[in-house]
Amino acid sequence: MSDITRDDVAHLARLARLAVSDAELDMFSAQIDAIVDTVSKVGEIPDDVPPTAQVVPQTNVVRPDTVEPSLPRDVVLAAAPAAEEGRFRVPRILGEGA
């Protein structure tokens, strides 16, 4: 227990130029004391734990690559809005190209 007293809180309030009532001194001293006690527990954490990106081990699930036939070019181009010389025809972007 760190025992933050009313006098400690009053001193901090004077340094910060804050007006604090007697009721607030009691409330703040209890709150600050609880905060300091909670933060001091961080020191109890063992420091020999290696850092990890994941707390649960993960494995990649992959399937083997298999070669499969693709659609014929003429079938694909038949579904395109515009085709030219065996390729998709798209509008020029920003006036680039000839």
PDB file of N, CA and C in Angstrom:
ATOM      1  N   MET A   1       0.849  -1.182   0.000  1.00  0.00           N
ATOM      2  CA  MET A   1       0.000   0.000   0.000  1.00  0.00           C
ATOM      3  C   MET A   1       0.891   1.241   0.000  1.00  0.00           C
ATOM      4  N   SER A   2       0.588   2.175  -0.840  1.00  0.00           N
ATOM      5  CA  SER A   2       1.448   3.340  -0.969  1.00  0.00           C
ATOM      6  C   SER A   2       1.081   4.465  -0.016  1.00  0.00           C
ATOM      7  N   ASP A   3      -0.139   4.463   0.521  1.00  0.00           N
ATOM      8  CA  ASP A   3      -0.575   5.458   1.517  1.00  0.00           C
ATOM      9  C   ASP A   3      -0.414   6.902   1.043  1.00  0.00           C
ATOM     10  N   ILE A   4      -1.159   7.269   0.031  1.00  0.00           N
ATOM     11  CA  ILE A   4      -1.215   8.669  -0.408  1.00  0.00           C
ATOM     12  C   ILE A   4      -2.134   9.398   0.574  1.00  0.00           C
ATOM     13  N   THR A   5      -1.592  10.390   1.227  1.00  0.00           N
ATOM     14  CA  THR A   5      -2.358  11.080   2.278  1.00  0.00           C
ATOM     15  C   THR A   5      -3.054  12.324   1.734  1.00  0.00           C
ATOM     16  N   ARG A   6      -3.949  12.861   2.581  1.00  0.00           N
ATOM     17  CA  ARG A   6      -4.610  14.126   2.240  1.00  0.00           C
ATOM     18  C   ARG A   6      -3.586  15.231   2.063  1.00  0.00           C
ATOM     19  N   ASP A   7      -2.549  15.207   2.895  1.00  0.00           N
ATOM     20  CA  ASP A   7      -1.501  16.231   2.793  1.00  0.00           C
ATOM     21  C   ASP A   7      -0.772  16.137   1.447  1.00  0.00           C
ATOM     22  N   ASP A   8      -0.541  14.908   0.986  1.00  0.00           N
ATOM     23  CA  ASP A   8       0.099  14.730  -0.320  1.00  0.00           C
ATOM     24  C   ASP A   8      -0.769  15.325  -1.431  1.00  0.00           C
ATOM     25  N   VAL A   9      -2.063  15.042  -1.373  1.00  0.00           N
ATOM     26  CA  VAL A   9      -2.985  15.550  -2.385  1.00  0.00           C
ATOM     27  C   VAL A   9      -3.080  17.072  -2.298  1.00  0.00           C
ATOM     28  N   ALA A  10      -3.131  17.601  -1.083  1.00  0.00           N
ATOM     29  CA  ALA A  10      -3.202  19.053  -0.902  1.00  0.00           C
ATOM     30  C   ALA A  10      -1.935  19.717  -1.463  1.00  0.00           C
ATOM     31  N   HIS A  11      -0.787  19.075  -1.253  1.00  0.00           N
ATOM     32  CA  HIS A  11       0.472  19.612  -1.769  1.00  0.00           C
ATOM     33  C   HIS A  11       0.455  19.617  -3.304  1.00  0.00           C
ATOM     34  N   LEU A  12       0.011  18.508  -3.902  1.00  0.00           N
ATOM     35  CA  LEU A  12      -0.079  18.440  -5.360  1.00  0.00           C
ATOM     36  C   LEU A  12      -1.062  19.473  -5.906  1.00  0.00           C
ATOM     37  N   ALA A  13      -2.174  19.662  -5.195  1.00  0.00           N
ATOM     38  CA  ALA A  13      -3.174  20.641  -5.629  1.00  0.00           C
ATOM     39  C   ALA A  13      -2.587  22.049  -5.591  1.00  0.00           C
ATOM     40  N   ARG A  14      -1.803  22.349  -4.559  1.00  0.00           N
ATOM     41  CA  ARG A  14      -1.166  23.671  -4.475  1.00  0.00           C
ATOM     42  C   ARG A  14      -0.169  23.852  -5.606  1.00  0.00           C
ATOM     43  N   LEU A  15       0.608  22.816  -5.893  1.00  0.00           N
ATOM     44  CA  LEU A  15       1.580  22.908  -6.984  1.00  0.00           C
ATOM     45  C   LEU A  15       0.881  23.133  -8.325  1.00  0.00           C
ATOM     46  N   ALA A  16      -0.278  22.502  -8.509  1.00  0.00           N
ATOM     47  CA  ALA A  16      -1.023  22.639  -9.754  1.00  0.00           C
ATOM     48  C   ALA A  16      -1.946  23.845  -9.736  1.00  0.00           C
ATOM     49  N   ARG A  17      -1.939  24.556  -8.592  1.00  0.00           N
ATOM     50  CA  ARG A  17      -2.796  25.733  -8.416  1.00  0.00           C
ATOM     51  C   ARG A  17      -4.271  25.399  -8.631  1.00  0.00           C
ATOM     52  N   LEU A  18      -4.691  24.291  -7.985  1.00  0.00           N
ATOM     53  CA  LEU A  18      -6.076  23.848  -8.038  1.00  0.00           C
ATOM     54  C   LEU A  18      -6.733  24.074  -6.687  1.00  0.00           C
ATOM     55  N   ALA A  19      -7.956  24.547  -6.722  1.00  0.00           N
ATOM     56  CA  ALA A  19      -8.734  24.676  -5.482  1.00  0.00           C
ATOM     57  C   ALA A  19      -9.436  23.347  -5.246  1.00  0.00           C
ATOM     58  N   VAL A  20      -9.142  22.735  -4.107  1.00  0.00           N
ATOM     59  CA  VAL A  20      -9.692  21.419  -3.796  1.00  0.00           C
ATOM     60  C   VAL A  20     -10.369  21.486  -2.428  1.00  0.00           C
ATOM     61  N   SER A  21     -11.607  20.988  -2.364  1.00  0.00           N
ATOM     62  CA  SER A  21     -12.339  20.996  -1.088  1.00  0.00           C
ATOM     63  C   SER A  21     -11.867  19.836  -0.209  1.00  0.00           C
ATOM     64  N   ASP A  22     -12.286  19.865   1.072  1.00  0.00           N
ATOM     65  CA  ASP A  22     -11.913  18.789   1.999  1.00  0.00           C
ATOM     66  C   ASP A  22     -12.471  17.446   1.535  1.00  0.00           C
ATOM     67  N   ALA A  23     -13.687  17.450   1.018  1.00  0.00           N
ATOM     68  CA  ALA A  23     -14.281  16.199   0.527  1.00  0.00           C
ATOM     69  C   ALA A  23     -13.486  15.665  -0.664  1.00  0.00           C
ATOM     70  N   GLU A  24     -13.058  16.571  -1.530  1.00  0.00           N
ATOM     71  CA  GLU A  24     -12.269  16.152  -2.687  1.00  0.00           C
ATOM     72  C   GLU A  24     -10.904  15.630  -2.271  1.00  0.00           C
ATOM     73  N   LEU A  25     -10.312  16.217  -1.217  1.00  0.00           N
ATOM     74  CA  LEU A  25      -9.030  15.716  -0.729  1.00  0.00           C
ATOM     75  C   LEU A  25      -9.149  14.258  -0.316  1.00  0.00           C
ATOM     76  N   ASP A  26     -10.216  13.920   0.400  1.00  0.00           N
ATOM     77  CA  ASP A  26     -10.418  12.526   0.821  1.00  0.00           C
ATOM     78  C   ASP A  26     -10.637  11.618  -0.388  1.00  0.00           C
ATOM     79  N   MET A  27     -11.492  12.072  -1.312  1.00  0.00           N
ATOM     80  CA  MET A  27     -11.803  11.270  -2.488  1.00  0.00           C
ATOM     81  C   MET A  27     -10.558  11.066  -3.354  1.00  0.00           C
ATOM     82  N   PHE A  28      -9.824  12.161  -3.620  1.00  0.00           N
ATOM     83  CA  PHE A  28      -8.648  12.064  -4.477  1.00  0.00           C
ATOM     84  C   PHE A  28      -7.543  11.234  -3.839  1.00  0.00           C
ATOM     85  N   SER A  29      -7.358  11.346  -2.542  1.00  0.00           N
ATOM     86  CA  SER A  29      -6.302  10.557  -1.895  1.00  0.00           C
ATOM     87  C   SER A  29      -6.601   9.073  -2.003  1.00  0.00           C
ATOM     88  N   ALA A  30      -7.869   8.676  -1.861  1.00  0.00           N
ATOM     89  CA  ALA A  30      -8.231   7.262  -2.009  1.00  0.00           C
ATOM     90  C   ALA A  30      -8.046   6.804  -3.456  1.00  0.00           C
ATOM     91  N   GLN A  31      -8.461   7.651  -4.409  1.00  0.00           N
ATOM     92  CA  GLN A  31      -8.341   7.282  -5.820  1.00  0.00           C
ATOM     93  C   GLN A  31      -6.885   7.188  -6.269  1.00  0.00           C
ATOM     94  N   ILE A  32      -6.090   8.168  -5.886  1.00  0.00           N
ATOM     95  CA  ILE A  32      -4.676   8.156  -6.276  1.00  0.00           C
ATOM     96  C   ILE A  32      -3.960   6.984  -5.632  1.00  0.00           C
ATOM     97  N   ASP A  33      -4.300   6.679  -4.392  1.00  0.00           N
ATOM     98  CA  ASP A  33      -3.708   5.543  -3.695  1.00  0.00           C
ATOM     99  C   ASP A  33      -4.029   4.244  -4.446  1.00  0.00           C
ATOM    100  N   ALA A  34      -5.279   4.083  -4.881  1.00  0.00           N
ATOM    101  CA  ALA A  34      -5.673   2.880  -5.626  1.00  0.00           C
ATOM    102  C   ALA A  34      -4.935   2.805  -6.957  1.00  0.00           C
ATOM    103  N   ILE A  35      -4.777   3.938  -7.627  1.00  0.00           N
ATOM    104  CA  ILE A  35      -4.073   3.962  -8.913  1.00  0.00           C
ATOM    105  C   ILE A  35      -2.606   3.573  -8.728  1.00  0.00           C
ATOM    106  N   VAL A  36      -1.959   4.134  -7.726  1.00  0.00           N
ATOM    107  CA  VAL A  36      -0.545   3.840  -7.488  1.00  0.00           C
ATOM    108  C   VAL A  36      -0.368   2.364  -7.136  1.00  0.00           C
ATOM    109  N   ASP A  37      -1.270   1.815  -6.339  1.00  0.00           N
ATOM    110  CA  ASP A  37      -1.185   0.392  -5.992  1.00  0.00           C
ATOM    111  C   ASP A  37      -1.355  -0.494  -7.226  1.00  0.00           C
ATOM    112  N   THR A  38      -2.294  -0.123  -8.091  1.00  0.00           N
ATOM    113  CA  THR A  38      -2.530  -0.908  -9.305  1.00  0.00           C
ATOM    114  C   THR A  38      -1.328  -0.848 -10.237  1.00  0.00           C
ATOM    115  N   VAL A  39      -0.770   0.330 -10.420  1.00  0.00           N
ATOM    116  CA  VAL A  39       0.388   0.482 -11.301  1.00  0.00           C
ATOM    117  C   VAL A  39       1.600  -0.236 -10.734  1.00  0.00           C
ATOM    118  N   SER A  40       1.740  -0.282  -9.424  1.00  0.00           N
ATOM    119  CA  SER A  40       2.891  -0.955  -8.824  1.00  0.00           C
ATOM    120  C   SER A  40       2.860  -2.457  -9.072  1.00  0.00           C
ATOM    121  N   LYS A  41       1.700  -3.018  -9.378  1.00  0.00           N
ATOM    122  CA  LYS A  41       1.606  -4.448  -9.662  1.00  0.00           C
ATOM    123  C   LYS A  41       2.254  -4.804 -10.992  1.00  0.00           C
ATOM    124  N   VAL A  42       2.483  -3.821 -11.841  1.00  0.00           N
ATOM    125  CA  VAL A  42       3.168  -4.084 -13.111  1.00  0.00           C
ATOM    126  C   VAL A  42       4.562  -4.624 -12.839  1.00  0.00           C
ATOM    127  N   GLY A  43       5.181  -4.176 -11.774  1.00  0.00           N
ATOM    128  CA  GLY A  43       6.507  -4.652 -11.408  1.00  0.00           C
ATOM    129  C   GLY A  43       6.532  -6.112 -11.015  1.00  0.00           C
ATOM    130  N   GLU A  44       5.389  -6.696 -10.721  1.00  0.00           N
ATOM    131  CA  GLU A  44       5.315  -8.104 -10.340  1.00  0.00           C
ATOM    132  C   GLU A  44       5.280  -9.035 -11.544  1.00  0.00           C
ATOM    133  N   ILE A  45       5.111  -8.480 -12.729  1.00  0.00           N
ATOM    134  CA  ILE A  45       5.057  -9.304 -13.933  1.00  0.00           C
ATOM    135  C   ILE A  45       6.458  -9.811 -14.228  1.00  0.00           C
ATOM    136  N   PRO A  46       6.592 -11.110 -14.492  1.00  0.00           N
ATOM    137  CA  PRO A  46       7.939 -11.622 -14.801  1.00  0.00           C
ATOM    138  C   PRO A  46       8.455 -11.022 -16.102  1.00  0.00           C
ATOM    139  N   ASP A  47       9.733 -10.677 -16.115  1.00  0.00           N
ATOM    140  CA  ASP A  47      10.296 -10.027 -17.298  1.00  0.00           C
ATOM    141  C   ASP A  47      11.032 -11.004 -18.206  1.00  0.00           C
ATOM    142  N   ASP A  48      10.943 -12.311 -17.916  1.00  0.00           N
ATOM    143  CA  ASP A  48      11.621 -13.289 -18.750  1.00  0.00           C
ATOM    144  C   ASP A  48      10.676 -13.946 -19.760  1.00  0.00           C
ATOM    145  N   VAL A  49       9.499 -13.368 -19.966  1.00  0.00           N
ATOM    146  CA  VAL A  49       8.545 -13.898 -20.933  1.00  0.00           C
ATOM    147  C   VAL A  49       8.889 -13.333 -22.307  1.00  0.00           C
ATOM    148  N   PRO A  50       9.105 -14.205 -23.295  1.00  0.00           N
ATOM    149  CA  PRO A  50       9.458 -13.686 -24.626  1.00  0.00           C
ATOM    150  C   PRO A  50       8.270 -12.987 -25.271  1.00  0.00           C
ATOM    151  N   PRO A  51       8.528 -11.916 -26.001  1.00  0.00           N
ATOM    152  CA  PRO A  51       7.425 -11.217 -26.680  1.00  0.00           C
ATOM    153  C   PRO A  51       6.849 -12.078 -27.789  1.00  0.00           C
ATOM    154  N   THR A  52       5.554 -11.978 -27.954  1.00  0.00           N
ATOM    155  CA  THR A  52       4.885 -12.744 -29.001  1.00  0.00           C
ATOM    156  C   THR A  52       3.908 -11.849 -29.740  1.00  0.00           C
ATOM    157  N   ALA A  53       3.671 -12.163 -31.003  1.00  0.00           N
ATOM    158  CA  ALA A  53       2.684 -11.421 -31.778  1.00  0.00           C
ATOM    159  C   ALA A  53       1.301 -12.012 -31.569  1.00  0.00           C
ATOM    160  N   GLN A  54       1.237 -13.312 -31.303  1.00  0.00           N
ATOM    161  CA  GLN A  54      -0.027 -14.004 -31.087  1.00  0.00           C
ATOM    162  C   GLN A  54       0.072 -14.795 -29.798  1.00  0.00           C
ATOM    163  N   VAL A  55      -0.982 -14.795 -29.015  1.00  0.00           N
ATOM    164  CA  VAL A  55      -0.971 -15.573 -27.783  1.00  0.00           C
ATOM    165  C   VAL A  55      -1.381 -17.012 -28.025  1.00  0.00           C
ATOM    166  N   VAL A  56      -2.066 -17.254 -29.127  1.00  0.00           N
ATOM    167  CA  VAL A  56      -2.471 -18.602 -29.502  1.00  0.00           C
ATOM    168  C   VAL A  56      -1.699 -18.983 -30.758  1.00  0.00           C
ATOM    169  N   PRO A  57      -1.031 -20.139 -30.751  1.00  0.00           N
ATOM    170  CA  PRO A  57      -0.279 -20.523 -31.956  1.00  0.00           C
ATOM    171  C   PRO A  57      -1.192 -20.613 -33.170  1.00  0.00           C
ATOM    172  N   GLN A  58      -0.697 -20.142 -34.297  1.00  0.00           N
ATOM    173  CA  GLN A  58      -1.464 -20.195 -35.533  1.00  0.00           C
ATOM    174  C   GLN A  58      -0.674 -20.949 -36.578  1.00  0.00           C
ATOM    175  N   THR A  59      -1.397 -21.686 -37.393  1.00  0.00           N
ATOM    176  CA  THR A  59      -0.760 -22.374 -38.507  1.00  0.00           C
ATOM    177  C   THR A  59      -1.509 -22.011 -39.772  1.00  0.00           C
ATOM    178  N   ASN A  60      -0.775 -21.906 -40.859  1.00  0.00           N
ATOM    179  CA  ASN A  60      -1.397 -21.617 -42.143  1.00  0.00           C
ATOM    180  C   ASN A  60      -2.010 -22.888 -42.700  1.00  0.00           C
ATOM    181  N   VAL A  61      -3.198 -22.751 -43.203  1.00  0.00           N
ATOM    182  CA  VAL A  61      -3.846 -23.868 -43.875  1.00  0.00           C
ATOM    183  C   VAL A  61      -3.769 -23.568 -45.367  1.00  0.00           C
ATOM    184  N   VAL A  62      -2.980 -24.349 -46.063  1.00  0.00           N
ATOM    185  CA  VAL A  62      -2.804 -24.121 -47.483  1.00  0.00           C
ATOM    186  C   VAL A  62      -3.134 -25.403 -48.233  1.00  0.00           C
ATOM    187  N   ARG A  63      -3.562 -25.244 -49.440  1.00  0.00           N
ATOM    188  CA  ARG A  63      -3.819 -26.398 -50.286  1.00  0.00           C
ATOM    189  C   ARG A  63      -2.753 -26.416 -51.367  1.00  0.00           C
ATOM    190  N   PRO A  64      -2.479 -27.569 -51.905  1.00  0.00           N
ATOM    191  CA  PRO A  64      -1.477 -27.613 -52.977  1.00  0.00           C
ATOM    192  C   PRO A  64      -1.990 -26.918 -54.223  1.00  0.00           C
ATOM    193  N   ASP A  65      -1.077 -26.302 -54.949  1.00  0.00           N
ATOM    194  CA  ASP A  65      -1.436 -25.661 -56.215  1.00  0.00           C
ATOM    195  C   ASP A  65      -1.769 -26.737 -57.238  1.00  0.00           C
ATOM    196  N   THR A  66      -2.850 -26.528 -57.933  1.00  0.00           N
ATOM    197  CA  THR A  66      -3.210 -27.453 -58.999  1.00  0.00           C
ATOM    198  C   THR A  66      -3.466 -26.650 -60.264  1.00  0.00           C
ATOM    199  N   VAL A  67      -3.017 -27.181 -61.371  1.00  0.00           N
ATOM    200  CA  VAL A  67      -3.215 -26.518 -62.652  1.00  0.00           C
ATOM    201  C   VAL A  67      -4.596 -26.908 -63.157  1.00  0.00           C
ATOM    202  N   GLU A  68      -5.388 -25.888 -63.451  1.00  0.00           N
ATOM    203  CA  GLU A  68      -6.728 -26.117 -63.977  1.00  0.00           C
ATOM    204  C   GLU A  68      -6.885 -25.316 -65.257  1.00  0.00           C
ATOM    205  N   PRO A  69      -7.672 -25.803 -66.172  1.00  0.00           N
ATOM    206  CA  PRO A  69      -7.837 -25.062 -67.429  1.00  0.00           C
ATOM    207  C   PRO A  69      -8.600 -23.763 -67.189  1.00  0.00           C
ATOM    208  N   SER A  70      -8.202 -22.743 -67.912  1.00  0.00           N
ATOM    209  CA  SER A  70      -8.901 -21.466 -67.811  1.00  0.00           C
ATOM    210  C   SER A  70      -9.875 -21.349 -68.978  1.00  0.00           C
ATOM    211  N   LEU A  71     -10.685 -20.317 -68.948  1.00  0.00           N
ATOM    212  CA  LEU A  71     -11.642 -20.110 -70.026  1.00  0.00           C
ATOM    213  C   LEU A  71     -10.917 -19.727 -71.304  1.00  0.00           C
ATOM    214  N   PRO A  72     -11.448 -20.113 -72.422  1.00  0.00           N
ATOM    215  CA  PRO A  72     -10.838 -19.687 -73.689  1.00  0.00           C
ATOM    216  C   PRO A  72     -10.961 -18.170 -73.850  1.00  0.00           C
ATOM    217  N   ARG A  73      -9.981 -17.581 -74.511  1.00  0.00           N
ATOM    218  CA  ARG A  73      -9.912 -16.131 -74.673  1.00  0.00           C
ATOM    219  C   ARG A  73     -11.165 -15.575 -75.355  1.00  0.00           C
ATOM    220  N   ASP A  74     -11.651 -16.244 -76.383  1.00  0.00           N
ATOM    221  CA  ASP A  74     -12.805 -15.712 -77.106  1.00  0.00           C
ATOM    222  C   ASP A  74     -14.067 -15.722 -76.248  1.00  0.00           C
ATOM    223  N   VAL A  75     -14.191 -16.676 -75.326  1.00  0.00           N
ATOM    224  CA  VAL A  75     -15.349 -16.711 -74.421  1.00  0.00           C
ATOM    225  C   VAL A  75     -15.283 -15.543 -73.448  1.00  0.00           C
ATOM    226  N   VAL A  76     -14.107 -15.288 -72.937  1.00  0.00           N
ATOM    227  CA  VAL A  76     -13.937 -14.191 -71.978  1.00  0.00           C
ATOM    228  C   VAL A  76     -14.162 -12.856 -72.673  1.00  0.00           C
ATOM    229  N   LEU A  77     -13.579 -12.666 -73.819  1.00  0.00           N
ATOM    230  CA  LEU A  77     -13.724 -11.393 -74.533  1.00  0.00           C
ATOM    231  C   LEU A  77     -15.154 -11.177 -75.024  1.00  0.00           C
ATOM    232  N   ALA A  78     -15.883 -12.257 -75.256  1.00  0.00           N
ATOM    233  CA  ALA A  78     -17.281 -12.118 -75.675  1.00  0.00           C
ATOM    234  C   ALA A  78     -18.127 -11.501 -74.562  1.00  0.00           C
ATOM    235  N   ALA A  79     -17.728 -11.693 -73.307  1.00  0.00           N
ATOM    236  CA  ALA A  79     -18.468 -11.128 -72.181  1.00  0.00           C
ATOM    237  C   ALA A  79     -18.003  -9.716 -71.832  1.00  0.00           C
ATOM    238  N   ALA A  80     -16.922  -9.256 -72.452  1.00  0.00           N
ATOM    239  CA  ALA A  80     -16.384  -7.927 -72.148  1.00  0.00           C
ATOM    240  C   ALA A  80     -17.214  -6.854 -72.844  1.00  0.00           C
ATOM    241  N   PRO A  81     -17.332  -5.669 -72.250  1.00  0.00           N
ATOM    242  CA  PRO A  81     -18.064  -4.590 -72.893  1.00  0.00           C
ATOM    243  C   PRO A  81     -17.408  -4.148 -74.201  1.00  0.00           C
ATOM    244  N   ALA A  82     -16.074  -4.225 -74.268  1.00  0.00           N
ATOM    245  CA  ALA A  82     -15.367  -3.854 -75.496  1.00  0.00           C
ATOM    246  C   ALA A  82     -14.072  -4.650 -75.572  1.00  0.00           C
ATOM    247  N   ALA A  83     -13.746  -5.122 -76.769  1.00  0.00           N
ATOM    248  CA  ALA A  83     -12.504  -5.861 -76.974  1.00  0.00           C
ATOM    249  C   ALA A  83     -11.863  -5.362 -78.257  1.00  0.00           C
ATOM    250  N   GLU A  84     -10.525  -5.455 -78.294  1.00  0.00           N
ATOM    251  CA  GLU A  84      -9.787  -5.001 -79.476  1.00  0.00           C
ATOM    252  C   GLU A  84      -8.491  -5.787 -79.567  1.00  0.00           C
ATOM    253  N   GLU A  85      -8.225  -6.390 -80.700  1.00  0.00           N
ATOM    254  CA  GLU A  85      -7.001  -7.149 -80.959  1.00  0.00           C
ATOM    255  C   GLU A  85      -6.744  -8.220 -79.897  1.00  0.00           C
ATOM    256  N   GLY A  86      -7.811  -8.914 -79.506  1.00  0.00           N
ATOM    257  CA  GLY A  86      -7.655 -10.009 -78.552  1.00  0.00           C
ATOM    258  C   GLY A  86      -7.433  -9.573 -77.116  1.00  0.00           C
ATOM    259  N   ARG A  87      -7.732  -8.307 -76.808  1.00  0.00           N
ATOM    260  CA  ARG A  87      -7.555  -7.784 -75.444  1.00  0.00           C
ATOM    261  C   ARG A  87      -8.784  -6.991 -75.046  1.00  0.00           C
ATOM    262  N   PHE A  88      -8.904  -6.746 -73.743  1.00  0.00           N
ATOM    263  CA  PHE A  88      -9.965  -5.871 -73.260  1.00  0.00           C
ATOM    264  C   PHE A  88      -9.669  -4.454 -73.706  1.00  0.00           C
ATOM    265  N   ARG A  89     -10.691  -3.753 -74.138  1.00  0.00           N
ATOM    266  CA  ARG A  89     -10.521  -2.341 -74.484  1.00  0.00           C
ATOM    267  C   ARG A  89     -11.055  -1.537 -73.316  1.00  0.00           C
ATOM    268  N   VAL A  90     -10.210  -0.641 -72.825  1.00  0.00           N
ATOM    269  CA  VAL A  90     -10.593   0.205 -71.689  1.00  0.00           C
ATOM    270  C   VAL A  90     -10.371   1.661 -72.066  1.00  0.00           C
ATOM    271  N   PRO A  91     -11.098   2.568 -71.430  1.00  0.00           N
ATOM    272  CA  PRO A  91     -10.886   3.992 -71.758  1.00  0.00           C
ATOM    273  C   PRO A  91      -9.509   4.460 -71.291  1.00  0.00           C
ATOM    274  N   ARG A  92      -8.999   5.475 -71.992  1.00  0.00           N
ATOM    275  CA  ARG A  92      -7.721   6.058 -71.587  1.00  0.00           C
ATOM    276  C   ARG A  92      -7.854   6.697 -70.216  1.00  0.00           C
ATOM    277  N   ILE A  93      -6.772   6.663 -69.504  1.00  0.00           N
ATOM    278  CA  ILE A  93      -6.759   7.265 -68.171  1.00  0.00           C
ATOM    279  C   ILE A  93      -5.923   8.529 -68.236  1.00  0.00           C
ATOM    280  N   LEU A  94      -6.505   9.644 -67.865  1.00  0.00           N
ATOM    281  CA  LEU A  94      -5.812  10.938 -67.817  1.00  0.00           C
ATOM    282  C   LEU A  94      -5.165  11.312 -69.138  1.00  0.00           C
ATOM    283  N   GLY A  95      -5.739  10.856 -70.241  1.00  0.00           N
ATOM    284  CA  GLY A  95      -5.230  11.236 -71.553  1.00  0.00           C
ATOM    285  C   GLY A  95      -3.894  10.611 -71.890  1.00  0.00           C
ATOM    286  N   GLU A  96      -3.475   9.569 -71.194  1.00  0.00           N
ATOM    287  CA  GLU A  96      -2.198   8.929 -71.480  1.00  0.00           C
ATOM    288  C   GLU A  96      -2.321   8.038 -72.719  1.00  0.00           C
ATOM    289  N   GLY A  97      -1.251   7.776 -73.359  1.00  0.00           N
ATOM    290  CA  GLY A  97      -1.216   6.860 -74.489  1.00  0.00           C
ATOM    291  C   GLY A  97      -1.480   7.569 -75.792  1.00  0.00           C
ATOM    292  N   ALA A  98      -1.430   6.800 -76.865  1.00  0.00           N
ATOM    293  CA  ALA A  98      -1.632   7.408 -78.185  1.00  0.00           C
ATOM    294  C   ALA A  98      -2.983   7.069 -78.745  1.00  0.00           C
TER     295      ALA A  98
END
